[in-house]
Amino acid sequence: MELAGSWHLTVHYKDAASANPEAQRWDDKLWQFEERGSRMQWTEFPIVVFDDRDGRFEQTAEERTVRTLRFWEPNAAQLEEIRRGLRVNPRGAKAKGLRGDVRRGFRSAGGMRSESASVIGYSESWRVEGLPSRPVFTQDVVMGSGQTENMEGRTRYAAERVSEDGREVRGTFERDGTRRGTFVLRRSAEAVLIGSEQDQKRSRE
């Protein structure tokens, strides 16, 4: 697996802490890895936009749009959109600069800081290990203060198989010990930000 570039992430899971633990749930994101000098920039876009919306969302009786409560898999048209490059909404995007290399792995720097014992601090630590054949992507969250017990969370994507061409990664997903399932990473062309000049140009084509 060559890490640098854009990847579409699909997650299928069940949530043991929910009111309906057997419900089929899904999520998708766009990951972008970019080499910037001695660092690897990992950007996560949580809002991915497909022109073909088949199977992704549905309307409730209250006329709210929600994710379908069944596992969504990209159809042929959606797979082509992934290959061509997806549109992403920058709202909610996060980015971390990672230090390291393929042999040692990549890890973000820094830890939780708070100005005083009464101020709640928050930090996220991301890392990528096991490249190139069995990559593991981990995102840790810590929140707390000197007067409270820290709350910690972890999201982990552990690869079990990488395709021969390195363009698809499949493995297991776990978040906070309650959400468990599987994931698929698919190589994508460079993402386009909604409303950008590149997006407008694509709309005219």
Protein backbone atom coordinates (compact mmCIF):
# COMPACT_ATOMS: atom_id res chain seq x y z
CA MET A 1 0.00 0.00 0.00
CA GLU A 2 1.30 3.43 -1.00
CA LEU A 3 -0.10 5.73 1.67
CA ALA A 4 0.11 9.14 -0.04
CA GLY A 5 -3.02 10.15 -1.95
CA SER A 6 -6.78 10.07 -1.42
CA TRP A 7 -8.81 7.16 -0.06
CA HIS A 8 -12.54 6.61 0.33
CA LEU A 9 -13.41 4.82 3.57
CA THR A 10 -16.57 2.73 4.01
CA VAL A 11 -17.40 1.31 7.46
CA HIS A 12 -20.02 -1.31 8.35
CA TYR A 13 -20.68 -1.78 12.06
CA LYS A 14 -23.10 -2.55 14.88
CA ASP A 15 -23.31 -0.47 18.06
CA ALA A 16 -23.66 -2.52 21.26
CA ALA A 17 -24.36 0.64 23.29
CA SER A 18 -27.32 1.73 21.15
CA ALA A 19 -31.01 1.07 21.70
CA ASN A 20 -30.93 -1.30 18.72
CA PRO A 21 -27.60 -3.16 18.93
CA GLU A 22 -28.36 -5.47 16.00
CA ALA A 23 -29.09 -2.64 13.55
CA GLN A 24 -26.83 -2.50 10.52
CA ARG A 25 -25.06 0.86 10.44
CA TRP A 26 -22.59 2.45 8.06
CA ASP A 27 -20.40 5.48 7.71
CA ASP A 28 -18.05 6.83 5.08
CA LYS A 29 -15.29 9.43 4.95
CA LEU A 30 -12.54 10.65 2.66
CA TRP A 31 -8.96 10.36 3.88
CA GLN A 32 -6.21 12.35 2.24
CA PHE A 33 -2.51 11.77 2.90
CA GLU A 34 -0.08 14.37 1.58
CA GLU A 35 3.69 14.53 1.97
CA ARG A 36 4.71 17.96 3.26
CA GLY A 37 8.45 18.15 3.77
CA SER A 38 9.36 15.82 6.65
CA ARG A 39 5.72 15.29 7.61
CA MET A 40 2.76 13.36 6.31
CA GLN A 41 -0.46 15.41 6.45
CA TRP A 42 -3.53 13.27 7.23
CA THR A 43 -6.82 15.05 6.51
CA GLU A 44 -10.21 13.49 7.25
CA PHE A 45 -13.35 14.77 5.50
CA PRO A 46 -16.45 13.35 7.27
CA ILE A 47 -18.95 14.60 4.64
CA VAL A 48 -18.67 12.90 1.26
CA VAL A 49 -20.99 13.82 -1.61
CA PHE A 50 -22.01 11.38 -4.36
CA ASP A 51 -23.93 12.39 -7.47
CA ASP A 52 -25.56 8.95 -7.33
CA ARG A 53 -27.21 8.80 -3.87
CA ASP A 54 -28.73 5.35 -4.30
CA GLY A 55 -28.88 3.36 -1.06
CA ARG A 56 -27.25 5.99 1.16
CA PHE A 57 -30.02 8.02 2.79
CA GLU A 58 -33.78 7.93 3.32
CA GLN A 59 -36.55 10.23 4.55
CA THR A 60 -38.21 9.65 7.92
CA ALA A 61 -41.85 10.33 8.78
CA GLU A 62 -40.65 13.64 10.28
CA GLU A 63 -39.12 14.48 6.88
CA ARG A 64 -35.58 14.21 8.19
CA THR A 65 -32.82 12.75 6.03
CA VAL A 66 -31.02 9.90 7.80
CA ARG A 67 -28.58 7.15 6.86
CA THR A 68 -30.24 3.93 5.77
CA LEU A 69 -30.30 1.30 8.54
CA ARG A 70 -28.66 -1.34 6.39
CA PHE A 71 -25.13 -1.77 5.15
CA TRP A 72 -24.46 0.48 2.16
CA GLU A 73 -22.05 -0.71 -0.53
CA PRO A 74 -21.07 1.51 -3.48
CA ASN A 75 -22.74 0.41 -6.71
CA ALA A 76 -20.96 0.45 -10.08
CA ALA A 77 -21.71 4.13 -10.71
CA GLN A 78 -20.58 5.11 -7.22
CA LEU A 79 -17.36 3.10 -7.57
CA GLU A 80 -16.65 5.05 -10.74
CA GLU A 81 -17.20 8.31 -8.83
CA ILE A 82 -14.67 7.15 -6.23
CA ARG A 83 -12.12 6.38 -8.94
CA ARG A 84 -12.74 9.72 -10.65
CA GLY A 85 -12.51 11.73 -7.42
CA LEU A 86 -15.26 12.62 -4.95
CA ARG A 87 -16.70 15.94 -3.84
CA VAL A 88 -16.26 16.68 -0.14
CA ASN A 89 -17.71 19.26 2.22
CA PRO A 90 -14.95 20.98 4.25
CA ARG A 91 -17.29 21.33 7.26
CA GLY A 92 -16.00 19.23 10.13
CA ALA A 93 -12.75 18.31 8.40
CA LYS A 94 -9.74 17.58 10.63
CA ALA A 95 -6.04 17.41 9.82
CA LYS A 96 -2.94 16.15 11.63
CA GLY A 97 0.71 16.43 10.73
CA LEU A 98 2.40 13.05 11.27
CA ARG A 99 6.09 12.43 11.75
CA GLY A 100 7.87 9.19 10.91
CA ASP A 101 8.39 6.91 7.95
CA VAL A 102 7.08 3.68 6.48
CA ARG A 103 9.40 1.48 8.56
CA ARG A 104 8.72 3.14 11.94
CA GLY A 105 5.17 4.27 11.23
CA PHE A 106 3.69 7.76 11.37
CA ARG A 107 2.46 9.51 14.52
CA SER A 108 1.07 12.96 15.34
CA ALA A 109 2.79 15.00 18.03
CA GLY A 110 1.46 16.76 21.12
CA GLY A 111 -0.75 15.86 24.05
CA MET A 112 -3.59 17.26 26.10
CA ARG A 113 -3.00 20.69 27.57
CA SER A 114 -5.17 22.84 29.82
CA GLU A 115 -4.49 26.30 31.21
CA SER A 116 -5.63 25.36 34.74
CA ALA A 117 -7.02 22.47 36.73
CA SER A 118 -10.57 23.75 36.21
CA VAL A 119 -10.28 24.04 32.41
CA ILE A 120 -11.22 20.99 30.35
CA GLY A 121 -8.51 20.00 27.89
CA TYR A 122 -8.95 18.02 24.68
CA SER A 123 -6.48 16.32 22.37
CA GLU A 124 -6.41 13.85 19.51
CA SER A 125 -3.51 11.62 18.56
CA TRP A 126 -3.44 9.85 15.19
CA ARG A 127 -1.02 7.24 13.96
CA VAL A 128 -0.46 4.82 11.08
CA GLU A 129 1.53 1.61 11.63
CA GLY A 130 2.16 -1.69 9.85
CA LEU A 131 2.84 -0.26 6.39
CA PRO A 132 2.94 -1.33 3.65
CA SER A 133 1.31 -4.77 3.94
CA ARG A 134 -0.88 -4.64 7.12
CA PRO A 135 -1.61 -0.99 7.91
CA VAL A 136 -3.34 -0.05 11.17
CA PHE A 137 -4.94 3.40 11.52
CA THR A 138 -5.59 4.60 15.08
CA GLN A 139 -7.26 7.79 16.32
CA ASP A 140 -7.12 8.39 20.08
CA VAL A 141 -9.07 11.10 21.94
CA VAL A 142 -8.45 12.34 25.51
CA MET A 143 -10.60 14.90 27.33
CA GLY A 144 -10.48 16.02 30.95
CA SER A 145 -8.97 18.37 33.51
CA GLY A 146 -7.01 18.28 36.74
CA GLN A 147 -10.27 18.11 38.70
CA THR A 148 -11.94 15.34 36.70
CA GLU A 149 -11.08 11.86 35.52
CA ASN A 150 -9.96 11.82 31.89
CA MET A 151 -12.32 10.42 29.29
CA GLU A 152 -10.56 8.44 26.59
CA GLY A 153 -11.74 7.08 23.26
CA ARG A 154 -10.13 5.08 20.49
CA THR A 155 -11.05 4.35 16.89
CA ARG A 156 -9.00 1.61 15.21
CA TYR A 157 -8.95 0.32 11.65
CA ALA A 158 -6.77 -2.81 11.34
CA ALA A 159 -6.11 -4.14 7.83
CA GLU A 160 -6.45 -7.85 7.14
CA ARG A 161 -5.94 -7.79 3.39
CA VAL A 162 -4.40 -5.41 0.86
CA SER A 163 -5.16 -6.03 -2.82
CA GLU A 164 -2.27 -6.95 -5.12
CA ASP A 165 -2.37 -3.55 -6.81
CA GLY A 166 -2.47 -1.77 -3.43
CA ARG A 167 -5.65 0.12 -4.30
CA GLU A 168 -8.01 -1.58 -1.84
CA VAL A 169 -7.61 -2.37 1.86
CA ARG A 170 -10.06 -4.45 3.93
CA GLY A 171 -10.06 -5.10 7.66
CA THR A 172 -11.75 -4.75 11.05
CA PHE A 173 -13.15 -1.64 12.70
CA GLU A 174 -13.61 -0.89 16.41
CA ARG A 175 -14.56 2.30 18.24
CA ASP A 176 -14.61 2.73 22.02
CA GLY A 177 -15.22 -0.98 22.57
CA THR A 178 -18.89 -0.74 21.55
CA ARG A 179 -18.89 -0.20 17.81
CA ARG A 180 -17.47 -3.14 15.89
CA GLY A 181 -17.46 -4.11 12.26
CA THR A 182 -15.44 -4.01 9.06
CA PHE A 183 -14.01 -1.36 6.75
CA VAL A 184 -12.91 -0.94 3.15
CA LEU A 185 -10.44 1.68 1.91
CA ARG A 186 -10.51 2.36 -1.81
CA ARG A 187 -8.01 4.47 -3.71
CA SER A 188 -9.61 7.63 -5.08
CA ALA A 189 -8.50 10.45 -7.32
CA GLU A 190 -7.94 13.80 -5.62
CA ALA A 191 -10.99 15.12 -3.79
CA VAL A 192 -12.74 18.33 -4.87
CA LEU A 193 -14.04 20.81 -2.28
CA ILE A 194 -17.69 21.78 -2.76
CA GLY A 195 -17.97 25.34 -4.05
CA SER A 196 -14.34 25.55 -5.13
CA GLU A 197 -13.27 26.74 -8.56
CA GLN A 198 -12.41 23.15 -9.47
CA ASP A 199 -15.90 22.04 -8.41
CA GLN A 200 -17.54 24.73 -10.52
CA LYS A 201 -15.41 23.75 -13.49
CA ARG A 202 -16.43 20.11 -13.12
CA SER A 203 -20.13 21.11 -12.97
CA ARG A 204 -19.82 22.89 -16.32
CA GLU A 205 -18.24 19.89 -18.04
